[in-house]
Structure formats: C-alpha cells, structure tokens
Amino acid sequence: MAGLLFGTAGIPHSAGTKTTIDGIKRIAELGLGCMEIEFVQKVYLNKGSATHVAETAENSGVRLSAHAPYYINLNAHDPKKRTTSQGILHHAASIAALAGADSITFHAAFYLGDPPKDVFRRVKESVYSVRRRLKEEGTKITLRPEVSGKESQFGSVGELLDLCSELPDTAPTIDFSHWHARRGGNNSYEDFSKVLEDIKRKLGEDGLGNMHIHVSGIIYGKSGERRHIPLQESDMNYKELIKALYDYKAGGLLICESPNLEEDALLLKQTYQAVSKGA
C-alpha cells in the first residue's frame, strides 16, 4: 500500500448535498482519495444506506474510514457505562464495515484520576472484547484508537503503540495535531520522524505502510487542544510533517480535520506532490 491518500473528515463543504453519497462523489471530483465518515454525534447510517455508501465508494474509487461517537469512555468507573461504551463502538464499527470502511477511529478513554497502567488495562480489556465480538460475527474492520489532544485523555503515542502491539486487528490513528497540542511541542521534522520510527519499531513496516493519520490546524493551551483551525492560520508545521511522511514511505489515509476541509486536504496533497517531485 505505497503512498498516501488524502481526504476529509466528513462530507466536503462543496458537495452537492450534505449526504455521504454526494460527499464521496465530491471527493472523487476533487481528485482526493479518501473520506472519513463522521459518526461523532451518532451513527446516522443503517444497514441499507450503509450498503449504498459502500457501492458508491467502490464505484468512485474512494477509500473510506469512519469515526465513532465521541461519547465513548472505556475507563468509565461504572462497569455498566463501560459496557455501554463497548456497545457503541461495536455498533459504529459494524455499520462502518457495511459502508465499506477499512477502519474506525475512536477516542478511547479519560484517565479520571486513575493510574495510567490501570486505564491501559481497562481499555485493553474493552477493545479486546469488542474485537472478539466483531470477529465472531465475521466483521472485518480495524479498530483504531486515536492519539488524544489533552493530557486528561488516554492516548499518548506510546500508550497506543503498546496497546496495538498487544492486540490483533488494531492500529493507531496518529493525530499529529493532537500530539502537538498535548504539550505544545512535537512539531518538528525530528519530532515527526521519531513517531514514525517508533511506529516502525513497534508495529513493523506494515504499521508505516497502512497508517491512519489526522492533521489540522489547531489552537491549544496548557490543558491541550482547544479547537481546530485552518492550517495556514496555525503553527502546525505541516510541511515538515509531509516531508517526514514521504521520507519514511508512509502509506494509508491522511484525513484533514481543518474547518476548511477540502481546501486544506488539497493543500496537504499538493505539498506531498511538491516534496515528491523535489526528492
């Protein structure tokens, strides 16, 4: 899976209608290669509509991923709430797979004052449970916990690489903007390269060759992420990030989460093309 495909987090603003079908068609018209279906507020597709989405994506040559609802917390102190979060992730993953998505991204947990090792254990148990249920049902989809944008959230690069190295059918969503926002650093070619080296060391060449990446401009403070903004209005060092991704032969999907979705997705693609021509 050589090279990167570039796309948007959700339906492009310039789509004919705000439907997933028209979003996929617009992605193809723009010359982009992928789109992330946003189930962040709710899973808005059913089995029938998901099948139609899958057919449209295949006919358009657009690869899909999905993002599970935000209200998952696999470290909830109430066991019933943890079970509910597992159910939400399972349902989102099932519908995403029917829609043709290769993987589903999710925010795994909040620390809630607990020791990180205890949170890691609970998250691992929950993800394993969801993965096992999907496998038993014959659902093929990669579960991708996402690098979080706040120190209060489970999801450092190290935690996710450890988690995914221990669980089959899982892989991280590397949100480089979140990683930058967590502490206000991690924003140089060397920083990006270190993440890619760590992925290669922990997950092997396949980990680099089939990445799921989030990028956007971002505003942050002492507690981490505040909100997404356009790339060129931010301090996100996207040009050096793109260079590192090219140099390490990263492959997979790069999803732009900036508010000006397709504009910045095209900017990232054009930057990648310029780097490749100058190499």
C-alpha atoms as a PDB file:
ATOM      1  CA  MET A   1       0.000   0.000   0.000  1.00  0.00           C
ATOM      2  CA  ALA A   2       2.533   2.555  -1.220  1.00  0.00           C
ATOM      3  CA  GLY A   3       1.904   6.259  -0.828  1.00  0.00           C
ATOM      4  CA  LEU A   4      -0.736   8.280   0.936  1.00  0.00           C
ATOM      5  CA  LEU A   5      -4.319   9.068   0.023  1.00  0.00           C
ATOM      6  CA  PHE A   6      -5.637  12.458   1.117  1.00  0.00           C
ATOM      7  CA  GLY A   7      -9.184  13.252   2.145  1.00  0.00           C
ATOM      8  CA  THR A   8     -11.570  14.941   4.519  1.00  0.00           C
ATOM      9  CA  ALA A   9     -13.111  14.290   7.909  1.00  0.00           C
ATOM     10  CA  GLY A  10     -16.683  14.195   6.748  1.00  0.00           C
ATOM     11  CA  ILE A  11     -18.568  15.489   3.737  1.00  0.00           C
ATOM     12  CA  PRO A  12     -16.734  18.234   1.801  1.00  0.00           C
ATOM     13  CA  HIS A  13     -18.362  21.644   2.116  1.00  0.00           C
ATOM     14  CA  SER A  14     -18.620  21.887  -1.667  1.00  0.00           C
ATOM     15  CA  ALA A  15     -20.623  18.664  -2.048  1.00  0.00           C
ATOM     16  CA  GLY A  16     -23.938  18.991  -3.884  1.00  0.00           C
ATOM     17  CA  THR A  17     -25.888  17.939  -0.794  1.00  0.00           C
ATOM     18  CA  LYS A  18     -24.812  17.125   2.750  1.00  0.00           C
ATOM     19  CA  THR A  19     -25.154  13.400   2.216  1.00  0.00           C
ATOM     20  CA  THR A  20     -22.444  10.779   2.475  1.00  0.00           C
ATOM     21  CA  ILE A  21     -23.151   9.664  -1.110  1.00  0.00           C
ATOM     22  CA  ASP A  22     -22.623  13.151  -2.529  1.00  0.00           C
ATOM     23  CA  GLY A  23     -19.632  13.607  -0.236  1.00  0.00           C
ATOM     24  CA  ILE A  24     -17.921  10.575  -1.743  1.00  0.00           C
ATOM     25  CA  LYS A  25     -18.688  11.758  -5.272  1.00  0.00           C
ATOM     26  CA  ARG A  26     -17.273  15.204  -4.494  1.00  0.00           C
ATOM     27  CA  ILE A  27     -14.107  13.670  -3.059  1.00  0.00           C
ATOM     28  CA  ALA A  28     -13.559  11.912  -6.380  1.00  0.00           C
ATOM     29  CA  GLU A  29     -14.282  15.101  -8.367  1.00  0.00           C
ATOM     30  CA  LEU A  30     -11.690  16.994  -6.317  1.00  0.00           C
ATOM     31  CA  GLY A  31      -9.024  14.396  -7.036  1.00  0.00           C
ATOM     32  CA  LEU A  32      -8.835  13.324  -3.406  1.00  0.00           C
ATOM     33  CA  GLY A  33      -8.687   9.660  -2.480  1.00  0.00           C
ATOM     34  CA  CYS A  34     -10.476   9.065   0.810  1.00  0.00           C
ATOM     35  CA  MET A  35     -13.092  10.264   3.252  1.00  0.00           C
ATOM     36  CA  GLU A  36     -13.779   9.614   6.921  1.00  0.00           C
ATOM     37  CA  ILE A  37     -17.458   9.046   7.737  1.00  0.00           C
ATOM     38  CA  GLU A  38     -18.236  11.082  10.837  1.00  0.00           C
ATOM     39  CA  PHE A  39     -20.358   9.164  13.328  1.00  0.00           C
ATOM     40  CA  VAL A  40     -19.105  11.503  16.052  1.00  0.00           C
ATOM     41  CA  GLN A  41     -22.574  12.617  17.174  1.00  0.00           C
ATOM     42  CA  LYS A  42     -24.479   9.490  16.180  1.00  0.00           C
ATOM     43  CA  VAL A  43     -24.330   6.524  13.818  1.00  0.00           C
ATOM     44  CA  TYR A  44     -26.585   8.010  11.171  1.00  0.00           C
ATOM     45  CA  LEU A  45     -26.460   5.161   8.627  1.00  0.00           C
ATOM     46  CA  ASN A  46     -28.461   1.943   8.807  1.00  0.00           C
ATOM     47  CA  LYS A  47     -27.723  -1.380   7.131  1.00  0.00           C
ATOM     48  CA  GLY A  48     -29.471  -0.447   3.904  1.00  0.00           C
ATOM     49  CA  SER A  49     -27.967   3.012   3.487  1.00  0.00           C
ATOM     50  CA  ALA A  50     -24.528   1.734   4.510  1.00  0.00           C
ATOM     51  CA  THR A  51     -24.573  -0.794   1.674  1.00  0.00           C
ATOM     52  CA  HIS A  52     -25.376   2.001  -0.792  1.00  0.00           C
ATOM     53  CA  VAL A  53     -22.472   4.039   0.572  1.00  0.00           C
ATOM     54  CA  ALA A  54     -20.113   1.101   0.076  1.00  0.00           C
ATOM     55  CA  GLU A  55     -21.218   0.685  -3.540  1.00  0.00           C
ATOM     56  CA  THR A  56     -20.739   4.388  -4.249  1.00  0.00           C
ATOM     57  CA  ALA A  57     -17.260   4.407  -2.724  1.00  0.00           C
ATOM     58  CA  GLU A  58     -16.202   1.360  -4.737  1.00  0.00           C
ATOM     59  CA  ASN A  59     -17.545   2.809  -7.977  1.00  0.00           C
ATOM     60  CA  SER A  60     -15.870   6.166  -7.253  1.00  0.00           C
ATOM     61  CA  GLY A  61     -12.509   4.703  -6.262  1.00  0.00           C
ATOM     62  CA  VAL A  62     -12.672   6.382  -2.849  1.00  0.00           C
ATOM     63  CA  ARG A  63     -11.435   4.622   0.284  1.00  0.00           C
ATOM     64  CA  LEU A  64     -13.445   5.099   3.461  1.00  0.00           C
ATOM     65  CA  SER A  65     -12.788   5.107   7.170  1.00  0.00           C
ATOM     66  CA  ALA A  66     -15.126   6.138   9.973  1.00  0.00           C
ATOM     67  CA  HIS A  67     -15.013   7.925  13.318  1.00  0.00           C
ATOM     68  CA  ALA A  68     -17.020   6.502  16.217  1.00  0.00           C
ATOM     69  CA  PRO A  69     -19.123   8.696  18.557  1.00  0.00           C
ATOM     70  CA  TYR A  70     -17.265  10.979  20.936  1.00  0.00           C
ATOM     71  CA  TYR A  71     -19.172   9.741  23.989  1.00  0.00           C
ATOM     72  CA  ILE A  72     -17.158   6.548  24.390  1.00  0.00           C
ATOM     73  CA  ASN A  73     -15.218   6.115  27.635  1.00  0.00           C
ATOM     74  CA  LEU A  74     -13.694   2.683  28.092  1.00  0.00           C
ATOM     75  CA  ASN A  75     -12.421   3.761  31.519  1.00  0.00           C
ATOM     76  CA  ALA A  76     -15.805   4.747  32.948  1.00  0.00           C
ATOM     77  CA  HIS A  77     -15.854   3.873  36.641  1.00  0.00           C
ATOM     78  CA  ASP A  78     -19.343   2.425  36.360  1.00  0.00           C
ATOM     79  CA  PRO A  79     -18.995  -1.042  34.738  1.00  0.00           C
ATOM     80  CA  LYS A  80     -22.388  -0.602  33.041  1.00  0.00           C
ATOM     81  CA  LYS A  81     -21.148   2.578  31.361  1.00  0.00           C
ATOM     82  CA  ARG A  82     -18.018   0.764  30.150  1.00  0.00           C
ATOM     83  CA  THR A  83     -20.220  -1.962  28.699  1.00  0.00           C
ATOM     84  CA  THR A  84     -22.384   0.698  27.042  1.00  0.00           C
ATOM     85  CA  SER A  85     -19.273   2.296  25.507  1.00  0.00           C
ATOM     86  CA  GLN A  86     -18.220  -1.082  24.153  1.00  0.00           C
ATOM     87  CA  GLY A  87     -21.659  -1.449  22.598  1.00  0.00           C
ATOM     88  CA  ILE A  88     -21.451   1.982  20.988  1.00  0.00           C
ATOM     89  CA  LEU A  89     -18.057   1.161  19.483  1.00  0.00           C
ATOM     90  CA  HIS A  90     -19.279  -2.244  18.285  1.00  0.00           C
ATOM     91  CA  HIS A  91     -22.352  -0.760  16.594  1.00  0.00           C
ATOM     92  CA  ALA A  92     -20.363   2.020  14.922  1.00  0.00           C
ATOM     93  CA  ALA A  93     -17.752  -0.452  13.702  1.00  0.00           C
ATOM     94  CA  SER A  94     -20.398  -2.835  12.342  1.00  0.00           C
ATOM     95  CA  ILE A  95     -22.160  -0.133  10.324  1.00  0.00           C
ATOM     96  CA  ALA A  96     -18.838   1.346   9.178  1.00  0.00           C
ATOM     97  CA  ALA A  97     -17.768  -2.046   7.841  1.00  0.00           C
ATOM     98  CA  LEU A  98     -21.056  -2.389   5.927  1.00  0.00           C
ATOM     99  CA  ALA A  99     -20.394   1.063   4.467  1.00  0.00           C
ATOM    100  CA  GLY A 100     -17.053  -0.139   3.128  1.00  0.00           C
ATOM    101  CA  ALA A 101     -14.790   1.453   5.724  1.00  0.00           C
ATOM    102  CA  ASP A 102     -11.468  -0.283   6.325  1.00  0.00           C
ATOM    103  CA  SER A 103     -11.126   1.061   9.857  1.00  0.00           C
ATOM    104  CA  ILE A 104     -12.842   3.008  12.602  1.00  0.00           C
ATOM    105  CA  THR A 105     -11.235   5.662  14.765  1.00  0.00           C
ATOM    106  CA  PHE A 106     -12.322   6.308  18.340  1.00  0.00           C
ATOM    107  CA  HIS A 107     -11.332   8.305  21.415  1.00  0.00           C
ATOM    108  CA  ALA A 108     -10.736   5.529  23.911  1.00  0.00           C
ATOM    109  CA  ALA A 109     -10.955   6.956  27.433  1.00  0.00           C
ATOM    110  CA  PHE A 110     -10.372   9.622  30.050  1.00  0.00           C
ATOM    111  CA  TYR A 111      -7.978   8.968  32.928  1.00  0.00           C
ATOM    112  CA  LEU A 112     -10.464  10.265  35.555  1.00  0.00           C
ATOM    113  CA  GLY A 113      -7.599  10.495  38.035  1.00  0.00           C
ATOM    114  CA  ASP A 114      -6.721   6.798  37.710  1.00  0.00           C
ATOM    115  CA  PRO A 115      -3.154   5.492  37.332  1.00  0.00           C
ATOM    116  CA  PRO A 116      -2.286   5.210  33.618  1.00  0.00           C
ATOM    117  CA  LYS A 117      -1.480   1.496  33.946  1.00  0.00           C
ATOM    118  CA  ASP A 118      -4.998   0.818  35.286  1.00  0.00           C
ATOM    119  CA  VAL A 119      -6.556   2.805  32.449  1.00  0.00           C
ATOM    120  CA  PHE A 120      -4.426   0.920  29.940  1.00  0.00           C
ATOM    121  CA  ARG A 121      -5.653  -2.398  31.334  1.00  0.00           C
ATOM    122  CA  ARG A 122      -9.331  -1.405  31.200  1.00  0.00           C
ATOM    123  CA  VAL A 123      -9.014  -0.015  27.678  1.00  0.00           C
ATOM    124  CA  LYS A 124      -7.201  -3.139  26.515  1.00  0.00           C
ATOM    125  CA  GLU A 125      -9.875  -5.418  28.005  1.00  0.00           C
ATOM    126  CA  SER A 126     -12.657  -3.392  26.392  1.00  0.00           C
ATOM    127  CA  VAL A 127     -11.051  -3.180  22.958  1.00  0.00           C
ATOM    128  CA  TYR A 128     -10.309  -6.904  23.067  1.00  0.00           C
ATOM    129  CA  SER A 129     -13.950  -7.611  23.917  1.00  0.00           C
ATOM    130  CA  VAL A 130     -15.245  -5.514  21.010  1.00  0.00           C
ATOM    131  CA  ARG A 131     -12.708  -7.001  18.615  1.00  0.00           C
ATOM    132  CA  ARG A 132     -13.628 -10.553  19.633  1.00  0.00           C
ATOM    133  CA  ARG A 133     -17.335  -9.887  19.125  1.00  0.00           C
ATOM    134  CA  LEU A 134     -16.733  -8.384  15.667  1.00  0.00           C
ATOM    135  CA  LYS A 135     -14.565 -11.326  14.682  1.00  0.00           C
ATOM    136  CA  GLU A 136     -17.181 -13.838  15.828  1.00  0.00           C
ATOM    137  CA  GLU A 137     -19.720 -12.034  13.641  1.00  0.00           C
ATOM    138  CA  GLY A 138     -17.385 -12.079  10.650  1.00  0.00           C
ATOM    139  CA  THR A 139     -16.975  -8.292  10.558  1.00  0.00           C
ATOM    140  CA  LYS A 140     -13.637  -7.210   9.115  1.00  0.00           C
ATOM    141  CA  ILE A 141     -12.570  -3.772  10.279  1.00  0.00           C
ATOM    142  CA  THR A 142      -9.520  -2.364  12.066  1.00  0.00           C
ATOM    143  CA  LEU A 143     -10.143  -0.689  15.423  1.00  0.00           C
ATOM    144  CA  ARG A 144      -8.036   2.466  15.649  1.00  0.00           C
ATOM    145  CA  PRO A 145      -7.735   4.288  18.992  1.00  0.00           C
ATOM    146  CA  GLU A 146      -6.724   7.891  18.364  1.00  0.00           C
ATOM    147  CA  VAL A 147      -3.892   9.979  19.770  1.00  0.00           C
ATOM    148  CA  SER A 148      -5.676  12.394  22.085  1.00  0.00           C
ATOM    149  CA  GLY A 149      -5.277  16.164  22.286  1.00  0.00           C
ATOM    150  CA  LYS A 150      -5.373  16.577  26.065  1.00  0.00           C
ATOM    151  CA  GLU A 151      -3.281  15.253  28.916  1.00  0.00           C
ATOM    152  CA  SER A 152      -6.512  14.290  30.705  1.00  0.00           C
ATOM    153  CA  GLN A 153      -7.283  11.750  27.964  1.00  0.00           C
ATOM    154  CA  PHE A 154      -5.809   8.317  27.465  1.00  0.00           C
ATOM    155  CA  GLY A 155      -3.983   8.210  24.144  1.00  0.00           C
ATOM    156  CA  SER A 156      -0.341   9.218  24.007  1.00  0.00           C
ATOM    157  CA  VAL A 157       1.608   7.832  21.067  1.00  0.00           C
ATOM    158  CA  GLY A 158       3.443   5.451  23.394  1.00  0.00           C
ATOM    159  CA  GLU A 159       0.266   4.141  25.009  1.00  0.00           C
ATOM    160  CA  LEU A 160      -1.390   3.459  21.670  1.00  0.00           C
ATOM    161  CA  LEU A 161       1.647   1.752  20.157  1.00  0.00           C
ATOM    162  CA  ASP A 162       1.878  -0.500  23.208  1.00  0.00           C
ATOM    163  CA  LEU A 163      -1.842  -1.236  23.060  1.00  0.00           C
ATOM    164  CA  CYS A 164      -1.900  -2.018  19.343  1.00  0.00           C
ATOM    165  CA  SER A 165       1.240  -4.143  19.508  1.00  0.00           C
ATOM    166  CA  GLU A 166      -0.584  -6.368  22.028  1.00  0.00           C
ATOM    167  CA  LEU A 167      -3.950  -6.620  20.239  1.00  0.00           C
ATOM    168  CA  PRO A 168      -4.520  -8.021  16.735  1.00  0.00           C
ATOM    169  CA  ASP A 169      -6.782  -6.182  14.294  1.00  0.00           C
ATOM    170  CA  THR A 170      -5.974  -2.857  15.923  1.00  0.00           C
ATOM    171  CA  ALA A 171      -3.779   0.039  14.833  1.00  0.00           C
ATOM    172  CA  PRO A 172      -3.413   3.629  15.998  1.00  0.00           C
ATOM    173  CA  THR A 173      -4.876   6.745  14.482  1.00  0.00           C
ATOM    174  CA  ILE A 174      -1.933   9.109  14.640  1.00  0.00           C
ATOM    175  CA  ASP A 175      -3.329  12.599  15.041  1.00  0.00           C
ATOM    176  CA  PHE A 176      -0.199  14.700  14.696  1.00  0.00           C
ATOM    177  CA  SER A 177      -2.088  17.884  15.547  1.00  0.00           C
ATOM    178  CA  HIS A 178      -3.361  16.371  18.794  1.00  0.00           C
ATOM    179  CA  TRP A 179       0.161  15.186  19.584  1.00  0.00           C
ATOM    180  CA  HIS A 180       1.412  18.735  19.044  1.00  0.00           C
ATOM    181  CA  ALA A 181      -1.360  20.210  21.198  1.00  0.00           C
ATOM    182  CA  ARG A 182      -0.857  17.888  24.183  1.00  0.00           C
ATOM    183  CA  ARG A 183       2.230  19.772  25.313  1.00  0.00           C
ATOM    184  CA  GLY A 184       2.765  22.453  22.705  1.00  0.00           C
ATOM    185  CA  GLY A 185       5.815  20.712  21.223  1.00  0.00           C
ATOM    186  CA  ASN A 186       6.200  17.721  18.916  1.00  0.00           C
ATOM    187  CA  ASN A 187       6.159  19.958  15.857  1.00  0.00           C
ATOM    188  CA  SER A 188       9.466  19.500  14.015  1.00  0.00           C
ATOM    189  CA  TYR A 189      10.774  17.138  11.361  1.00  0.00           C
ATOM    190  CA  GLU A 190      12.736  15.361  14.084  1.00  0.00           C
ATOM    191  CA  ASP A 191       9.639  15.021  16.274  1.00  0.00           C
ATOM    192  CA  PHE A 192       7.559  13.606  13.432  1.00  0.00           C
ATOM    193  CA  SER A 193      10.374  11.275  12.430  1.00  0.00           C
ATOM    194  CA  LYS A 194      10.625   9.923  15.966  1.00  0.00           C
ATOM    195  CA  VAL A 195       6.920   8.995  15.914  1.00  0.00           C
ATOM    196  CA  LEU A 196       7.391   7.220  12.591  1.00  0.00           C
ATOM    197  CA  GLU A 197      10.486   5.418  13.891  1.00  0.00           C
ATOM    198  CA  ASP A 198       8.519   4.286  16.935  1.00  0.00           C
ATOM    199  CA  ILE A 199       5.707   3.002  14.729  1.00  0.00           C
ATOM    200  CA  LYS A 200       8.190   1.032  12.635  1.00  0.00           C
ATOM    201  CA  ARG A 201       9.849  -0.393  15.750  1.00  0.00           C
ATOM    202  CA  LYS A 202       6.613  -1.390  17.495  1.00  0.00           C
ATOM    203  CA  LEU A 203       4.339  -2.297  14.570  1.00  0.00           C
ATOM    204  CA  GLY A 204       6.782  -3.055  11.763  1.00  0.00           C
ATOM    205  CA  GLU A 205       6.746  -1.992   8.120  1.00  0.00           C
ATOM    206  CA  ASP A 206       3.009  -2.742   7.932  1.00  0.00           C
ATOM    207  CA  GLY A 207       2.415  -0.152  10.623  1.00  0.00           C
ATOM    208  CA  LEU A 208       4.028   2.502   8.445  1.00  0.00           C
ATOM    209  CA  GLY A 209       2.531   1.234   5.215  1.00  0.00           C
ATOM    210  CA  ASN A 210      -1.082   1.345   6.387  1.00  0.00           C
ATOM    211  CA  MET A 211      -1.401   4.389   8.616  1.00  0.00           C
ATOM    212  CA  HIS A 212      -4.471   6.390   9.506  1.00  0.00           C
ATOM    213  CA  ILE A 213      -3.463   9.998  10.080  1.00  0.00           C
ATOM    214  CA  HIS A 214      -5.312  13.118  11.215  1.00  0.00           C
ATOM    215  CA  VAL A 215      -3.966  16.601  10.514  1.00  0.00           C
ATOM    216  CA  SER A 216      -5.409  20.082  11.009  1.00  0.00           C
ATOM    217  CA  GLY A 217      -4.500  23.487  12.237  1.00  0.00           C
ATOM    218  CA  ILE A 218      -5.033  23.609  15.975  1.00  0.00           C
ATOM    219  CA  ILE A 219      -5.274  26.034  18.874  1.00  0.00           C
ATOM    220  CA  TYR A 220      -4.138  24.740  22.245  1.00  0.00           C
ATOM    221  CA  GLY A 221      -3.393  25.852  25.780  1.00  0.00           C
ATOM    222  CA  LYS A 222      -1.919  24.455  28.981  1.00  0.00           C
ATOM    223  CA  SER A 223      -4.528  21.696  29.084  1.00  0.00           C
ATOM    224  CA  GLY A 224      -4.030  20.817  25.435  1.00  0.00           C
ATOM    225  CA  GLU A 225      -6.360  21.010  22.439  1.00  0.00           C
ATOM    226  CA  ARG A 226      -8.954  23.774  22.248  1.00  0.00           C
ATOM    227  CA  ARG A 227     -10.229  23.763  18.672  1.00  0.00           C
ATOM    228  CA  HIS A 228      -9.272  23.112  15.073  1.00  0.00           C
ATOM    229  CA  ILE A 229      -8.453  25.979  12.699  1.00  0.00           C
ATOM    230  CA  PRO A 230      -7.201  26.218   9.082  1.00  0.00           C
ATOM    231  CA  LEU A 231      -3.627  25.026   8.634  1.00  0.00           C
ATOM    232  CA  GLN A 232      -2.231  28.319   7.423  1.00  0.00           C
ATOM    233  CA  GLU A 233      -3.681  30.156  10.432  1.00  0.00           C
ATOM    234  CA  SER A 234      -1.897  27.821  12.847  1.00  0.00           C
ATOM    235  CA  ASP A 235       1.636  26.981  13.931  1.00  0.00           C
ATOM    236  CA  MET A 236       1.226  23.363  12.785  1.00  0.00           C
ATOM    237  CA  ASN A 237       4.400  22.543  10.861  1.00  0.00           C
ATOM    238  CA  TYR A 238       2.583  20.601   8.158  1.00  0.00           C
ATOM    239  CA  LYS A 239       5.301  20.994   5.521  1.00  0.00           C
ATOM    240  CA  GLU A 240       7.877  19.222   7.688  1.00  0.00           C
ATOM    241  CA  LEU A 241       5.298  16.608   8.631  1.00  0.00           C
ATOM    242  CA  ILE A 242       4.618  15.870   4.969  1.00  0.00           C
ATOM    243  CA  LYS A 243       8.346  15.640   4.292  1.00  0.00           C
ATOM    244  CA  ALA A 244       8.786  13.137   7.123  1.00  0.00           C
ATOM    245  CA  LEU A 245       5.852  11.046   5.895  1.00  0.00           C
ATOM    246  CA  TYR A 246       7.343  10.994   2.398  1.00  0.00           C
ATOM    247  CA  ASP A 247      10.856  10.178   3.616  1.00  0.00           C
ATOM    248  CA  TYR A 248       9.567   7.267   5.706  1.00  0.00           C
ATOM    249  CA  LYS A 249       7.412   5.990   2.830  1.00  0.00           C
ATOM    250  CA  ALA A 250       4.275   6.210   4.956  1.00  0.00           C
ATOM    251  CA  GLY A 251       1.139   4.832   3.325  1.00  0.00           C
ATOM    252  CA  GLY A 252      -2.552   4.765   4.125  1.00  0.00           C
ATOM    253  CA  LEU A 253      -5.061   7.557   4.668  1.00  0.00           C
ATOM    254  CA  LEU A 254      -4.371  11.148   5.688  1.00  0.00           C
ATOM    255  CA  ILE A 255      -7.578  12.804   6.861  1.00  0.00           C
ATOM    256  CA  CYS A 256      -7.782  16.581   7.128  1.00  0.00           C
ATOM    257  CA  GLU A 257      -9.830  17.844  10.073  1.00  0.00           C
ATOM    258  CA  SER A 258      -9.412  21.583   9.482  1.00  0.00           C
ATOM    259  CA  PRO A 259     -12.656  23.604   9.303  1.00  0.00           C
ATOM    260  CA  ASN A 260     -11.990  24.322   5.606  1.00  0.00           C
ATOM    261  CA  LEU A 261     -11.981  20.594   4.921  1.00  0.00           C
ATOM    262  CA  GLU A 262     -11.250  20.108   1.234  1.00  0.00           C
ATOM    263  CA  GLU A 263      -9.165  23.266   0.893  1.00  0.00           C
ATOM    264  CA  ASP A 264      -6.618  22.061   3.428  1.00  0.00           C
ATOM    265  CA  ALA A 265      -6.851  18.440   2.234  1.00  0.00           C
ATOM    266  CA  LEU A 266      -5.844  19.643  -1.235  1.00  0.00           C
ATOM    267  CA  LEU A 267      -3.098  21.808   0.293  1.00  0.00           C
ATOM    268  CA  LEU A 268      -1.669  18.745   2.038  1.00  0.00           C
ATOM    269  CA  LYS A 269      -1.857  16.679  -1.145  1.00  0.00           C
ATOM    270  CA  GLN A 270      -0.184  19.432  -3.176  1.00  0.00           C
ATOM    271  CA  THR A 271       2.546  19.752  -0.545  1.00  0.00           C
ATOM    272  CA  TYR A 272       3.159  15.993  -0.747  1.00  0.00           C
ATOM    273  CA  GLN A 273       3.343  16.141  -4.528  1.00  0.00           C
ATOM    274  CA  ALA A 274       5.833  19.028  -4.364  1.00  0.00           C
ATOM    275  CA  VAL A 275       8.019  17.100  -1.915  1.00  0.00           C
ATOM    276  CA  SER A 276       7.944  14.005  -4.121  1.00  0.00           C
ATOM    277  CA  LYS A 277       8.950  15.978  -7.209  1.00  0.00           C
ATOM    278  CA  GLY A 278      11.806  17.651  -5.349  1.00  0.00           C
ATOM    279  CA  ALA A 279      13.134  14.411  -3.843  1.00  0.00           C
END
